[in-house]
Amino acid sequence: MTKGKICPICKKWFIPNKYRPSKQAICSSIECQYQRQLSDMKKWRTRNPEYFNYRQTKDASWKETCRQRALGWRKRHIDYLHLYRQQHKEQHRAYMREYMREWRQRKKEKGSNV
């Protein structure tokens, strides 16, 4: 008979899967499984920090290809961007204000270094 365990996320008792009870540490609730997946992804990314940079280092045209793909998507979905900006007008303005403030600061610093 399988004994119950305590889920480290929600702190509730659960009965592990009968086929692999020693492997299951998290209960089957959707919230706990979601948290487990997030933590597993975070652990994997820390063990493999260069995984998503492989294409960038091996292929010089990779960045331009990504840029062209994004531009193409924006051209095909121009209405989406207009609607999104209308719905999030204040957040977009605040973002752009901060972005331009930082950009001007970087430009000013570059100008003084030359």
Protein backbone atom coordinates (compact mmCIF):
# COMPACT_ATOMS: atom_id res chain seq x y z
CA MET A 1 0.00 0.00 0.00
CA THR A 2 1.33 3.41 -0.96
CA LYS A 3 1.66 5.93 1.81
CA GLY A 4 0.60 9.53 1.40
CA LYS A 5 3.04 12.39 0.96
CA ILE A 6 2.94 16.12 1.61
CA CYS A 7 3.15 18.36 -1.44
CA PRO A 8 5.98 20.89 -0.90
CA ILE A 9 4.05 23.55 -2.84
CA CYS A 10 0.53 23.48 -1.39
CA LYS A 11 1.42 21.60 1.84
CA LYS A 12 -1.52 19.19 1.42
CA TRP A 13 -1.50 15.41 1.70
CA PHE A 14 -1.78 13.44 -1.53
CA ILE A 15 -1.46 9.84 -2.65
CA PRO A 16 1.27 9.42 -5.30
CA ASN A 17 0.72 7.76 -8.66
CA LYS A 18 0.54 3.99 -8.13
CA TYR A 19 2.94 3.23 -10.99
CA ARG A 20 5.87 5.41 -9.83
CA PRO A 21 5.16 6.46 -6.25
CA SER A 22 8.82 7.09 -5.39
CA LYS A 23 9.18 9.58 -8.27
CA GLN A 24 6.16 11.77 -7.55
CA ALA A 25 6.96 14.56 -5.12
CA ILE A 26 4.30 17.10 -6.17
CA CYS A 27 0.53 16.55 -5.99
CA SER A 28 -1.59 16.41 -9.15
CA SER A 29 -3.38 19.74 -8.76
CA ILE A 30 -3.06 22.06 -11.75
CA GLU A 31 -1.56 24.92 -9.71
CA CYS A 32 1.12 22.71 -8.17
CA GLN A 33 2.00 21.10 -11.50
CA TYR A 34 2.29 24.56 -13.06
CA GLN A 35 4.66 25.68 -10.30
CA ARG A 36 6.68 22.47 -10.72
CA GLN A 37 7.00 23.08 -14.46
CA LEU A 38 8.15 26.65 -13.89
CA SER A 39 10.79 25.58 -11.41
CA ASP A 40 11.95 22.74 -13.68
CA MET A 41 12.30 25.16 -16.60
CA LYS A 42 14.25 27.58 -14.42
CA LYS A 43 16.62 24.81 -13.28
CA TRP A 44 17.09 23.63 -16.87
CA ARG A 45 17.87 27.16 -18.08
CA THR A 46 20.47 27.64 -15.35
CA ARG A 47 22.14 24.35 -16.35
CA ASN A 48 22.01 25.25 -20.08
CA PRO A 49 22.53 29.03 -20.29
CA GLU A 50 23.85 29.03 -23.86
CA TYR A 51 21.22 26.73 -25.39
CA PHE A 52 19.14 29.47 -26.99
CA ASN A 53 22.21 31.45 -28.08
CA TYR A 54 23.59 28.62 -30.24
CA ARG A 55 22.10 29.92 -33.49
CA GLN A 56 23.34 33.43 -32.76
CA THR A 57 26.92 32.29 -32.33
CA LYS A 58 27.01 29.92 -35.32
CA ASP A 59 24.99 31.82 -37.92
CA ALA A 60 25.81 35.46 -38.68
CA SER A 61 22.53 36.06 -40.54
CA TRP A 62 20.35 34.64 -37.75
CA LYS A 63 19.63 38.00 -36.15
CA GLU A 64 18.63 39.57 -39.46
CA THR A 65 16.40 36.58 -40.25
CA CYS A 66 14.60 37.00 -36.91
CA ARG A 67 14.22 40.72 -37.53
CA GLN A 68 12.72 40.14 -40.98
CA ARG A 69 10.32 37.52 -39.60
CA ALA A 70 9.13 39.97 -36.92
CA LEU A 71 8.70 42.76 -39.47
CA GLY A 72 6.68 40.43 -41.70
CA TRP A 73 4.42 39.47 -38.81
CA ARG A 74 3.84 43.12 -37.95
CA LYS A 75 2.92 43.94 -41.57
CA ARG A 76 0.44 41.05 -41.71
CA HIS A 77 -1.11 41.91 -38.31
CA ILE A 78 -1.11 45.70 -38.36
CA ASP A 79 -4.66 45.89 -37.01
CA TYR A 80 -3.64 43.83 -33.98
CA LEU A 81 -0.96 46.34 -33.05
CA HIS A 82 -3.33 49.29 -33.43
CA LEU A 83 -6.00 47.64 -31.28
CA TYR A 84 -3.47 46.57 -28.66
CA ARG A 85 -2.03 50.06 -28.38
CA GLN A 86 -5.51 51.58 -28.08
CA GLN A 87 -6.40 49.18 -25.28
CA HIS A 88 -3.07 49.70 -23.48
CA LYS A 89 -2.49 53.36 -24.32
CA GLU A 90 -1.33 54.52 -20.88
CA GLN A 91 0.98 51.55 -20.30
CA HIS A 92 2.48 52.01 -23.77
CA ARG A 93 3.03 55.73 -23.20
CA ALA A 94 4.70 55.08 -19.84
CA TYR A 95 6.91 52.41 -21.43
CA MET A 96 7.90 54.65 -24.34
CA ARG A 97 8.56 57.59 -22.01
CA GLU A 98 10.95 55.47 -19.93
CA TYR A 99 12.51 53.88 -23.01
CA MET A 100 13.24 57.26 -24.61
CA ARG A 101 14.59 58.63 -21.32
CA GLU A 102 17.08 55.75 -21.18
CA TRP A 103 17.91 56.08 -24.88
CA ARG A 104 18.66 59.80 -24.51
CA GLN A 105 20.83 59.06 -21.48
CA ARG A 106 22.83 56.43 -23.42
CA LYS A 107 23.17 58.84 -26.37
CA LYS A 108 24.38 61.59 -24.04
CA GLU A 109 26.93 59.24 -22.44
CA LYS A 110 28.21 58.10 -25.87
CA GLY A 111 28.55 61.72 -26.98
CA SER A 112 30.65 62.63 -23.94
CA ASN A 113 32.94 59.60 -24.44
CA VAL A 114 33.84 60.55 -28.02
